[in-house]
Amino acid sequence: MGYSDITSWTTCFAVAGVVSYYGPNVLTPIAQPGKLDDYTYRSINKTLFNTAIIGNVNACKRHTPIDWQDKREDEIIWTENT
C-alpha cells in the first residue's frame, strides 16, 4: 500500500468515527541502540498514552542516522537540525 492507499483508509476510518494515527514509523526510533531519545519518548507518550489533546507538535532539534550496531549512548553521533 502506498501513501494514497493509507490516506484512503484513514479517510474511511474517520468517516466511520474510528480514531487512527498516521505518521512517521515508530519502529525505527524504537529499534535504535541504547534507549529512545527524549524527543521520541515524549512524543510517543503524548500521542499514545495521554488523554489530553495533542496540540502543537514541535520539530525535533537533532537527528542521528540509524546505525544497526550495538553502541553505547555516548557513541551515538547526533546532528543538530538547521
C-alpha atoms as a PDB file:
ATOM      1  CA  MET A   1       0.000   0.000   0.000  1.00  0.00           C
ATOM      2  CA  GLY A   2       1.312   3.415  -0.903  1.00  0.00           C
ATOM      3  CA  TYR A   3       0.610   6.724   0.735  1.00  0.00           C
ATOM      4  CA  SER A   4      -2.540   7.278  -1.315  1.00  0.00           C
ATOM      5  CA  ASP A   5      -3.913   3.954  -0.069  1.00  0.00           C
ATOM      6  CA  ILE A   6      -3.164   4.912   3.521  1.00  0.00           C
ATOM      7  CA  THR A   7      -4.912   8.245   3.017  1.00  0.00           C
ATOM      8  CA  SER A   8      -7.972   6.431   1.677  1.00  0.00           C
ATOM      9  CA  TRP A   9      -8.075   4.092   4.656  1.00  0.00           C
ATOM     10  CA  THR A  10      -7.578   6.949   7.111  1.00  0.00           C
ATOM     11  CA  THR A  11     -10.496   8.781   5.497  1.00  0.00           C
ATOM     12  CA  CYS A  12     -12.681   5.664   5.741  1.00  0.00           C
ATOM     13  CA  PHE A  13     -11.794   5.318   9.423  1.00  0.00           C
ATOM     14  CA  ALA A  14     -12.594   8.992  10.075  1.00  0.00           C
ATOM     15  CA  VAL A  15     -15.982   8.728   8.345  1.00  0.00           C
ATOM     16  CA  ALA A  16     -16.733   5.629  10.439  1.00  0.00           C
ATOM     17  CA  GLY A  17     -15.771   7.509  13.617  1.00  0.00           C
ATOM     18  CA  VAL A  18     -12.626   5.460  14.219  1.00  0.00           C
ATOM     19  CA  VAL A  19      -9.648   7.397  15.566  1.00  0.00           C
ATOM     20  CA  SER A  20      -6.423   6.473  13.813  1.00  0.00           C
ATOM     21  CA  TYR A  21      -2.832   7.625  13.903  1.00  0.00           C
ATOM     22  CA  TYR A  22      -0.867   8.262  10.746  1.00  0.00           C
ATOM     23  CA  GLY A  23       2.671   9.498  10.938  1.00  0.00           C
ATOM     24  CA  PRO A  24       6.321   8.534  10.903  1.00  0.00           C
ATOM     25  CA  ASN A  25       7.221   4.937  11.540  1.00  0.00           C
ATOM     26  CA  VAL A  26       7.559   4.364  15.273  1.00  0.00           C
ATOM     27  CA  LEU A  27       9.606   1.181  14.875  1.00  0.00           C
ATOM     28  CA  THR A  28      12.739   2.893  13.557  1.00  0.00           C
ATOM     29  CA  PRO A  29      13.395   5.063  16.646  1.00  0.00           C
ATOM     30  CA  ILE A  30      12.373   2.247  18.979  1.00  0.00           C
ATOM     31  CA  ALA A  31      14.941  -0.026  17.336  1.00  0.00           C
ATOM     32  CA  GLN A  32      17.775   2.426  17.982  1.00  0.00           C
ATOM     33  CA  PRO A  33      20.555   1.097  20.148  1.00  0.00           C
ATOM     34  CA  GLY A  34      20.527   2.160  23.775  1.00  0.00           C
ATOM     35  CA  LYS A  35      17.276   3.887  24.641  1.00  0.00           C
ATOM     36  CA  LEU A  36      14.751   6.169  22.996  1.00  0.00           C
ATOM     37  CA  ASP A  37      15.904   9.744  22.627  1.00  0.00           C
ATOM     38  CA  ASP A  38      13.969  12.201  24.800  1.00  0.00           C
ATOM     39  CA  TYR A  39      12.044  13.765  21.893  1.00  0.00           C
ATOM     40  CA  THR A  40      10.757  10.396  20.651  1.00  0.00           C
ATOM     41  CA  TYR A  41       9.943   9.195  24.172  1.00  0.00           C
ATOM     42  CA  ARG A  42       7.942  12.340  24.991  1.00  0.00           C
ATOM     43  CA  SER A  43       6.179  12.325  21.602  1.00  0.00           C
ATOM     44  CA  ILE A  44       5.092   8.680  21.856  1.00  0.00           C
ATOM     45  CA  ASN A  45       3.800   9.170  25.393  1.00  0.00           C
ATOM     46  CA  LYS A  46       2.000  12.392  24.470  1.00  0.00           C
ATOM     47  CA  THR A  47       0.359  10.832  21.412  1.00  0.00           C
ATOM     48  CA  LEU A  48      -0.487   7.307  22.513  1.00  0.00           C
ATOM     49  CA  PHE A  49      -0.735   7.292  26.304  1.00  0.00           C
ATOM     50  CA  ASN A  50      -2.317  10.616  27.202  1.00  0.00           C
ATOM     51  CA  THR A  51      -5.972  11.619  27.004  1.00  0.00           C
ATOM     52  CA  ALA A  52      -5.209  15.318  26.538  1.00  0.00           C
ATOM     53  CA  ILE A  53      -5.400  16.973  23.124  1.00  0.00           C
ATOM     54  CA  ILE A  54      -2.038  16.579  21.389  1.00  0.00           C
ATOM     55  CA  GLY A  55      -1.862  20.220  20.295  1.00  0.00           C
ATOM     56  CA  ASN A  56       1.185  21.619  18.512  1.00  0.00           C
ATOM     57  CA  VAL A  57       3.975  19.249  17.568  1.00  0.00           C
ATOM     58  CA  ASN A  58       7.392  20.867  17.526  1.00  0.00           C
ATOM     59  CA  ALA A  59      10.069  19.578  15.197  1.00  0.00           C
ATOM     60  CA  CYS A  60      12.926  17.687  16.804  1.00  0.00           C
ATOM     61  CA  LYS A  61      16.115  19.687  17.190  1.00  0.00           C
ATOM     62  CA  ARG A  62      18.558  16.956  16.222  1.00  0.00           C
ATOM     63  CA  HIS A  63      18.752  13.634  14.408  1.00  0.00           C
ATOM     64  CA  THR A  64      21.010  10.656  14.035  1.00  0.00           C
ATOM     65  CA  PRO A  65      21.284   8.097  11.263  1.00  0.00           C
ATOM     66  CA  ILE A  66      20.202   4.645  12.304  1.00  0.00           C
ATOM     67  CA  ASP A  67      23.313   2.575  12.756  1.00  0.00           C
ATOM     68  CA  TRP A  68      22.257  -1.022  13.325  1.00  0.00           C
ATOM     69  CA  GLN A  69      25.082  -1.778  15.714  1.00  0.00           C
ATOM     70  CA  ASP A  70      25.100  -2.016  19.458  1.00  0.00           C
ATOM     71  CA  LYS A  71      26.527   1.296  20.608  1.00  0.00           C
ATOM     72  CA  ARG A  72      26.684   2.933  23.958  1.00  0.00           C
ATOM     73  CA  GLU A  73      24.601   6.076  24.215  1.00  0.00           C
ATOM     74  CA  ASP A  74      27.739   8.252  24.314  1.00  0.00           C
ATOM     75  CA  GLU A  75      28.890   6.741  20.985  1.00  0.00           C
ATOM     76  CA  ILE A  76      25.788   7.822  19.046  1.00  0.00           C
ATOM     77  CA  ILE A  77      26.524  10.842  16.846  1.00  0.00           C
ATOM     78  CA  TRP A  78      23.801  13.489  16.763  1.00  0.00           C
ATOM     79  CA  THR A  79      23.448  16.249  14.168  1.00  0.00           C
ATOM     80  CA  GLU A  80      21.663  19.498  15.003  1.00  0.00           C
ATOM     81  CA  ASN A  81      18.858  20.396  12.562  1.00  0.00           C
ATOM     82  CA  THR A  82      19.280  23.716  10.800  1.00  0.00           C
END
